[in-house]
Amino acid sequence: MTEAVVDDIVTVLPPLLNALEALGFFQRNLHPPAFASVMNEIGAPDETLQSARAAIGEWPEQFAGLRSRLDAACNETLAAFAGIREVERGNGDLVAVFRALRHLPRAQEALYPLAVQFPPVSSFFLNTANRENEDLLARLGTGASEDTGIFHDHNEPGSRGGFSIYVPEYYTHDRAMPLVMALHGGSGNGRGFLWSWLRDARSLGAILVAPTATGSTWALMGDDADTPNLMRILETVRNRWTIDVSRVLLTGMSDGGTFSYVTGLDGASPFTHLAPVSATFHPLMAEMADASRLQGLPIFITHGKLDWMFPVQTARQTQAALSAAGADVNYREIDDLSHTYPREINAELLAWLNGK
């Protein structure tokens, strides 16, 4: 690698990672009444990134692939900020914010292949507790084999019914791993939602599957085309990778969390643990659920006190109803959480899944 290329990478990588962290903070702490204060707290990392990006020169053709990924990560990050800044200036609403945040997982997807070459990128894709874990970083440094890393199965942007999967680079067929199936929120997709969980799956050792609903959202009413599709996806994964069938978690955000109840309370469900986040629940679900399935079923409910879409009282009532029906319910209420995904809960969910 030429000195000029190294200098450019050293120039642009820190502000890029800092800008991505800022977007993650913004996404986690987004609450409509607090929009201005959250914007003030993240500052202007996009301006620093823009300046660093502008300073990059021409690279030799042999580094075109690396340059393409770095450019894509920068472009998507800056596009996310541009969309949010428009709303900050009064041009747009919450829908425009969500649209802007779609660029964040695209930036992460572009950047992730560089983790094997650049330790700061590898550390970025670990949870905070493991960023200085030298043993883990060394195991990850070998890079993906044909059976590890990120794969997309009929899950291109705009498609429905496919799935994305992450298999830790240190996975081996002779050691069964727990599996997390994470369901996106309404109008989302699995390819984007994968990044809500990847850091923790990579840090703590879990196979992560992020399906995309067959319709515009999960089958919460009418015919259920999603449950058989999830079963198909799970069987596809089990045929290729070694899964610990005693540790199979179904979780999801918002509509995805609600659907984890719908399909996960079925008597034939293969999921051993359920963890709905920011979800809604109708008491009839508990009454209609398979009674024997509910007995002792581990369920971990996470909800925010600031949730404006599904008020927290709903989650409290859900805890009471499921506990009364015999489920083994853990309940986590987060004071500063609105209707967003709290990535900080993932490590706790994996510890719970692993019986720790």
Protein backbone atom coordinates (compact mmCIF):
# COMPACT_ATOMS: atom_id res chain seq x y z
CA MET A 1 0.00 0.00 0.00
CA THR A 2 1.49 3.35 -1.02
CA GLU A 3 2.30 6.04 1.51
CA ALA A 4 -0.26 8.39 -0.04
CA VAL A 5 -3.03 5.78 0.26
CA VAL A 6 -2.10 5.08 3.88
CA ASP A 7 -2.13 8.80 4.64
CA ASP A 8 -5.60 9.17 3.09
CA ILE A 9 -6.96 6.24 5.09
CA VAL A 10 -5.49 7.62 8.31
CA THR A 11 -7.11 10.96 7.46
CA VAL A 12 -10.61 9.74 6.65
CA LEU A 13 -11.16 6.64 8.79
CA PRO A 14 -11.34 8.26 12.27
CA PRO A 15 -13.90 10.93 11.24
CA LEU A 16 -15.91 8.30 9.35
CA LEU A 17 -16.10 6.01 12.39
CA ASN A 18 -16.88 8.99 14.62
CA ALA A 19 -19.69 10.10 12.31
CA LEU A 20 -21.14 6.58 12.27
CA GLU A 21 -21.05 6.46 16.08
CA ALA A 22 -22.86 9.80 16.15
CA LEU A 23 -25.56 8.47 13.84
CA GLY A 24 -25.93 5.42 16.06
CA PHE A 25 -26.31 7.68 19.10
CA PHE A 26 -28.86 9.80 17.24
CA GLN A 27 -30.84 6.74 16.16
CA ARG A 28 -30.91 5.26 19.68
CA ASN A 29 -31.88 8.54 21.36
CA LEU A 30 -34.34 9.82 18.77
CA HIS A 31 -37.48 11.10 20.49
CA PRO A 32 -39.56 13.67 18.62
CA PRO A 33 -39.75 16.26 21.45
CA ALA A 34 -36.00 15.92 22.05
CA PHE A 35 -34.89 16.17 18.41
CA ALA A 36 -33.12 19.52 18.80
CA SER A 37 -31.28 18.54 21.97
CA VAL A 38 -30.05 15.25 20.46
CA MET A 39 -28.84 17.13 17.37
CA ASN A 40 -27.02 19.56 19.61
CA GLU A 41 -25.39 16.70 21.51
CA ILE A 42 -23.96 14.97 18.43
CA GLY A 43 -22.38 18.19 17.15
CA ALA A 44 -21.12 18.32 13.56
CA PRO A 45 -19.08 15.17 12.82
CA ASP A 46 -20.41 15.28 9.27
CA GLU A 47 -18.53 18.52 8.63
CA THR A 48 -15.28 16.95 9.82
CA LEU A 49 -15.91 13.92 7.62
CA GLN A 50 -16.75 16.12 4.64
CA SER A 51 -13.45 17.97 4.99
CA ALA A 52 -11.43 14.77 5.38
CA ARG A 53 -13.19 13.20 2.41
CA ALA A 54 -12.43 16.23 0.22
CA ALA A 55 -8.73 15.92 1.04
CA ILE A 56 -8.41 12.40 -0.43
CA GLY A 57 -6.43 12.29 -3.66
CA GLU A 58 -6.36 9.87 -6.58
CA TRP A 59 -5.43 6.25 -5.79
CA PRO A 60 -3.64 3.70 -7.99
CA GLU A 61 -5.98 1.36 -9.85
CA GLN A 62 -4.89 -1.62 -7.73
CA PHE A 63 -6.68 -0.08 -4.74
CA ALA A 64 -9.93 0.60 -6.61
CA GLY A 65 -11.94 -1.96 -4.61
CA LEU A 66 -10.81 -0.53 -1.28
CA ARG A 67 -11.45 3.01 -2.47
CA SER A 68 -14.93 2.08 -3.70
CA ARG A 69 -15.95 0.69 -0.29
CA LEU A 70 -14.52 3.66 1.58
CA ASP A 71 -16.24 6.09 -0.78
CA ALA A 72 -19.56 4.25 -0.40
CA ALA A 73 -19.32 4.29 3.39
CA CYS A 74 -18.56 8.02 3.38
CA ASN A 75 -21.30 8.80 0.85
CA GLU A 76 -23.99 6.90 2.76
CA THR A 77 -22.93 8.43 6.08
CA LEU A 78 -23.01 11.95 4.65
CA ALA A 79 -26.37 11.26 2.97
CA ALA A 80 -27.83 10.25 6.34
CA PHE A 81 -26.61 13.49 7.89
CA ALA A 82 -27.85 15.54 4.94
CA GLY A 83 -31.35 14.17 5.39
CA ILE A 84 -31.34 14.81 9.11
CA ARG A 85 -29.96 18.34 8.64
CA GLU A 86 -32.85 19.12 6.27
CA VAL A 87 -35.31 18.23 9.00
CA GLU A 88 -33.28 20.29 11.47
CA ARG A 89 -33.74 23.25 9.12
CA GLY A 90 -37.50 22.72 9.18
CA ASN A 91 -37.82 20.89 5.87
CA GLY A 92 -39.40 17.55 6.69
CA ASP A 93 -40.85 15.47 9.48
CA LEU A 94 -40.22 12.24 11.41
CA VAL A 95 -40.79 10.18 8.28
CA ALA A 96 -37.97 12.09 6.59
CA VAL A 97 -35.72 11.32 9.55
CA PHE A 98 -36.43 7.61 9.27
CA ARG A 99 -35.79 7.81 5.53
CA ALA A 100 -32.44 9.49 6.16
CA LEU A 101 -31.45 6.82 8.69
CA ARG A 102 -31.82 4.12 6.01
CA HIS A 103 -28.39 5.24 4.83
CA LEU A 104 -26.77 4.14 8.11
CA PRO A 105 -26.93 0.36 7.57
CA ARG A 106 -25.84 0.87 3.96
CA ALA A 107 -22.73 2.68 5.22
CA GLN A 108 -22.01 -0.14 7.66
CA GLU A 109 -22.48 -2.76 4.96
CA ALA A 110 -20.00 -0.97 2.70
CA LEU A 111 -17.47 -0.60 5.53
CA TYR A 112 -17.63 -4.05 7.13
CA PRO A 113 -15.40 -5.91 4.60
CA LEU A 114 -12.55 -3.57 5.60
CA ALA A 115 -12.58 -4.95 9.17
CA VAL A 116 -10.10 -7.69 8.32
CA GLN A 117 -7.56 -5.13 7.02
CA PHE A 118 -8.00 -2.32 9.51
CA PRO A 119 -8.10 -2.97 13.27
CA PRO A 120 -10.02 0.27 14.04
CA VAL A 121 -12.82 -0.94 11.73
CA SER A 122 -12.82 -4.36 13.36
CA SER A 123 -13.06 -2.74 16.80
CA PHE A 124 -15.91 -0.52 15.59
CA PHE A 125 -17.92 -3.64 14.79
CA LEU A 126 -17.61 -4.99 18.33
CA ASN A 127 -19.69 -3.99 21.32
CA THR A 128 -18.04 -1.54 23.70
CA ALA A 129 -17.09 -4.17 26.28
CA ASN A 130 -15.04 -6.13 23.74
CA ARG A 131 -13.30 -3.45 21.71
CA GLU A 132 -10.01 -4.05 23.53
CA ASN A 133 -10.39 -7.85 23.58
CA GLU A 134 -7.11 -8.84 21.93
CA ASP A 135 -7.93 -12.54 21.80
CA LEU A 136 -11.23 -11.86 20.06
CA LEU A 137 -9.65 -9.38 17.64
CA ALA A 138 -6.99 -11.95 16.76
CA ARG A 139 -9.60 -14.64 16.06
CA LEU A 140 -11.55 -12.22 13.90
CA GLY A 141 -8.40 -11.14 12.08
CA THR A 142 -8.21 -14.37 10.11
CA GLY A 143 -11.12 -13.18 7.97
CA ALA A 144 -14.21 -14.98 6.76
CA SER A 145 -14.21 -18.50 5.34
CA GLU A 146 -16.78 -19.73 2.84
CA ASP A 147 -19.11 -20.53 5.75
CA THR A 148 -18.64 -17.37 7.82
CA GLY A 149 -19.28 -13.68 7.43
CA ILE A 150 -22.33 -11.95 5.97
CA PHE A 151 -24.62 -13.55 3.39
CA HIS A 152 -27.80 -12.31 1.72
CA ASP A 153 -30.37 -14.78 0.40
CA HIS A 154 -32.88 -13.13 -1.95
CA ASN A 155 -32.64 -10.05 0.26
CA GLU A 156 -31.69 -7.29 -2.14
CA PRO A 157 -33.07 -3.81 -1.36
CA GLY A 158 -36.77 -3.68 -2.20
CA SER A 159 -37.27 -7.45 -2.16
CA ARG A 160 -39.52 -9.26 0.31
CA GLY A 161 -39.34 -12.65 2.01
CA GLY A 162 -35.57 -13.19 1.91
CA PHE A 163 -33.05 -13.02 4.71
CA SER A 164 -29.59 -11.83 5.67
CA ILE A 165 -27.31 -13.79 7.99
CA TYR A 166 -24.11 -13.16 9.90
CA VAL A 167 -21.95 -16.09 11.03
CA PRO A 168 -19.00 -15.14 13.28
CA GLU A 169 -15.65 -15.55 11.54
CA TYR A 170 -14.47 -17.92 14.28
CA TYR A 171 -17.43 -20.31 13.83
CA THR A 172 -16.57 -23.99 13.33
CA HIS A 173 -18.95 -26.79 12.37
CA ASP A 174 -17.97 -28.88 15.40
CA ARG A 175 -19.31 -26.34 17.90
CA ALA A 176 -23.02 -25.56 18.02
CA MET A 177 -23.80 -21.85 18.30
CA PRO A 178 -26.91 -20.11 19.61
CA LEU A 179 -29.07 -18.49 16.97
CA VAL A 180 -30.76 -15.09 17.09
CA MET A 181 -33.54 -14.38 14.60
CA ALA A 182 -34.19 -10.64 14.66
CA LEU A 183 -37.33 -9.20 13.03
CA HIS A 184 -37.32 -5.64 11.68
CA GLY A 185 -39.97 -3.04 12.38
CA GLY A 186 -42.82 -2.04 10.08
CA SER A 187 -41.74 -1.05 6.55
CA GLY A 188 -38.17 -2.10 7.35
CA ASN A 189 -36.09 -4.96 5.98
CA GLY A 190 -33.78 -7.61 7.37
CA ARG A 191 -30.74 -6.44 5.43
CA GLY A 192 -30.82 -3.14 7.32
CA PHE A 193 -31.90 -4.56 10.69
CA LEU A 194 -28.96 -7.00 10.71
CA TRP A 195 -26.74 -4.13 11.86
CA SER A 196 -28.79 -3.59 15.02
CA TRP A 197 -27.41 -6.91 16.26
CA LEU A 198 -24.16 -7.59 14.40
CA ARG A 199 -21.78 -6.08 16.97
CA ASP A 200 -23.08 -8.30 19.75
CA ALA A 201 -23.35 -11.47 17.67
CA ARG A 202 -19.75 -10.89 16.54
CA SER A 203 -18.53 -10.07 20.05
CA LEU A 204 -20.30 -12.82 21.97
CA GLY A 205 -20.67 -15.66 19.50
CA ALA A 206 -24.10 -16.12 17.95
CA ILE A 207 -25.39 -16.79 14.46
CA LEU A 208 -27.63 -13.87 13.50
CA VAL A 209 -30.51 -14.17 11.04
CA ALA A 210 -32.45 -11.10 9.92
CA PRO A 211 -35.40 -12.00 7.67
CA THR A 212 -37.52 -9.61 5.64
CA ALA A 213 -41.30 -9.84 5.93
CA THR A 214 -43.17 -11.22 2.92
CA GLY A 215 -45.42 -8.13 2.87
CA SER A 216 -44.92 -4.47 3.72
CA THR A 217 -44.81 -5.51 7.38
CA TRP A 218 -45.25 -8.72 9.36
CA ALA A 219 -48.50 -10.70 9.09
CA LEU A 220 -50.23 -9.27 12.15
CA MET A 221 -53.67 -9.58 10.57
CA GLY A 222 -55.20 -11.88 7.97
CA ASP A 223 -53.38 -14.81 6.41
CA ASP A 224 -49.99 -15.55 7.94
CA ALA A 225 -47.46 -16.02 5.16
CA ASP A 226 -44.56 -15.09 7.43
CA THR A 227 -44.54 -17.99 9.89
CA PRO A 228 -44.02 -20.66 7.20
CA ASN A 229 -41.38 -18.43 5.60
CA LEU A 230 -39.53 -18.10 8.91
CA MET A 231 -39.65 -21.88 9.30
CA ARG A 232 -38.22 -22.26 5.79
CA ILE A 233 -35.43 -19.82 6.60
CA LEU A 234 -34.63 -21.54 9.89
CA GLU A 235 -34.45 -24.92 8.16
CA THR A 236 -32.17 -23.48 5.47
CA VAL A 237 -29.82 -22.15 8.14
CA ARG A 238 -29.86 -25.36 10.18
CA ASN A 239 -28.96 -27.38 7.09
CA ARG A 240 -25.75 -25.40 6.58
CA TRP A 241 -24.61 -24.37 10.07
CA THR A 242 -24.52 -26.13 13.43
CA ILE A 243 -27.18 -24.56 15.63
CA ASP A 244 -27.72 -25.18 19.35
CA VAL A 245 -31.44 -26.03 19.26
CA SER A 246 -31.73 -25.30 22.99
CA ARG A 247 -30.77 -21.65 22.40
CA VAL A 248 -32.86 -20.26 19.55
CA LEU A 249 -34.03 -16.71 20.21
CA LEU A 250 -36.79 -14.91 18.33
CA THR A 251 -36.69 -11.17 18.87
CA GLY A 252 -37.91 -8.12 17.03
CA MET A 253 -38.53 -4.40 17.08
CA SER A 254 -42.02 -2.82 17.00
CA ASP A 255 -44.10 -4.82 14.46
CA GLY A 256 -41.30 -7.40 14.47
CA GLY A 257 -41.59 -7.68 18.25
CA THR A 258 -45.36 -8.06 18.01
CA PHE A 259 -44.96 -10.77 15.38
CA SER A 260 -42.50 -12.60 17.63
CA TYR A 261 -45.50 -13.07 19.92
CA VAL A 262 -47.82 -14.06 17.09
CA THR A 263 -45.59 -16.82 15.75
CA GLY A 264 -43.57 -17.57 18.89
CA LEU A 265 -46.55 -18.47 21.08
CA ASP A 266 -47.67 -21.16 18.65
CA GLY A 267 -47.38 -24.65 20.09
CA ALA A 268 -45.22 -25.83 17.19
CA SER A 269 -42.75 -22.94 17.40
CA PRO A 270 -39.09 -24.04 17.41
CA PHE A 271 -37.96 -20.89 19.23
CA THR A 272 -36.83 -21.50 22.79
CA HIS A 273 -36.81 -17.84 23.90
CA LEU A 274 -38.81 -14.76 22.86
CA ALA A 275 -37.62 -11.16 23.27
CA PRO A 276 -40.02 -8.54 21.88
CA VAL A 277 -38.78 -4.93 21.94
CA SER A 278 -41.04 -1.86 21.78
CA ALA A 279 -43.90 -4.14 20.75
CA THR A 280 -47.64 -4.17 21.26
CA PHE A 281 -49.69 -7.10 22.50
CA HIS A 282 -53.39 -7.89 22.71
CA PRO A 283 -54.60 -9.86 25.74
CA LEU A 284 -56.38 -12.23 23.34
CA MET A 285 -52.94 -13.42 22.21
CA ALA A 286 -52.35 -14.94 25.64
CA GLU A 287 -55.82 -16.49 25.67
CA MET A 288 -55.42 -17.95 22.18
CA ALA A 289 -51.84 -19.17 22.71
CA ASP A 290 -51.10 -22.83 23.28
CA ALA A 291 -51.41 -23.19 27.07
CA SER A 292 -48.68 -25.82 27.36
CA ARG A 293 -46.37 -23.70 25.20
CA LEU A 294 -46.70 -20.79 27.64
CA GLN A 295 -45.78 -22.80 30.73
CA GLY A 296 -42.29 -21.70 31.72
CA LEU A 297 -41.61 -20.16 28.30
CA PRO A 298 -38.72 -17.67 28.68
CA ILE A 299 -39.88 -14.24 27.48
CA PHE A 300 -37.84 -11.03 27.84
CA ILE A 301 -39.86 -7.85 27.28
CA THR A 302 -38.04 -4.55 26.67
CA HIS A 303 -39.92 -1.27 26.40
CA GLY A 304 -39.23 2.43 26.69
CA LYS A 305 -40.99 4.80 29.07
CA LEU A 306 -40.97 7.43 26.31
CA ASP A 307 -42.51 5.20 23.62
CA TRP A 308 -44.95 7.36 21.68
CA MET A 309 -46.25 4.62 19.38
CA PHE A 310 -46.98 1.85 21.88
CA PRO A 311 -47.35 3.39 25.36
CA VAL A 312 -45.41 1.68 28.12
CA GLN A 313 -48.63 0.72 29.92
CA THR A 314 -49.15 -1.82 27.14
CA ALA A 315 -45.88 -3.56 27.99
CA ARG A 316 -46.69 -3.58 31.71
CA GLN A 317 -50.07 -5.19 31.00
CA THR A 318 -48.38 -7.70 28.70
CA GLN A 319 -45.95 -8.69 31.44
CA ALA A 320 -48.84 -9.28 33.84
CA ALA A 321 -50.91 -11.26 31.31
CA LEU A 322 -48.08 -13.54 30.21
CA SER A 323 -46.87 -14.13 33.77
CA ALA A 324 -50.41 -15.03 34.82
CA ALA A 325 -50.56 -17.49 31.92
CA GLY A 326 -47.44 -19.26 33.22
CA ALA A 327 -44.62 -17.77 31.15
CA ASP A 328 -41.23 -17.03 32.72
CA VAL A 329 -41.15 -13.29 32.04
CA ASN A 330 -38.23 -10.88 32.41
CA TYR A 331 -39.19 -7.24 32.03
CA ARG A 332 -36.88 -4.33 31.27
CA GLU A 333 -38.26 -0.79 31.18
CA ILE A 334 -35.79 1.83 29.91
CA ASP A 335 -36.33 5.37 31.18
CA ASP A 336 -34.82 7.26 28.21
CA LEU A 337 -36.01 4.95 25.42
CA SER A 338 -38.53 6.20 22.89
CA HIS A 339 -39.75 4.06 19.97
CA THR A 340 -36.24 3.12 18.84
CA TYR A 341 -34.03 0.05 19.10
CA PRO A 342 -31.83 -0.11 22.25
CA ARG A 343 -28.71 -1.94 21.09
CA GLU A 344 -27.41 -1.90 24.65
CA ILE A 345 -29.93 -4.62 25.55
CA ASN A 346 -28.44 -7.20 23.14
CA ALA A 347 -25.61 -8.40 25.38
CA GLU A 348 -28.06 -8.92 28.23
CA LEU A 349 -30.39 -10.85 25.94
CA LEU A 350 -27.53 -13.12 24.83
CA ALA A 351 -26.48 -13.72 28.45
CA TRP A 352 -30.11 -14.61 29.25
CA LEU A 353 -30.30 -16.90 26.21
CA ASN A 354 -27.10 -18.63 27.35
CA GLY A 355 -28.45 -19.08 30.88
CA LYS A 356 -25.95 -16.73 32.50
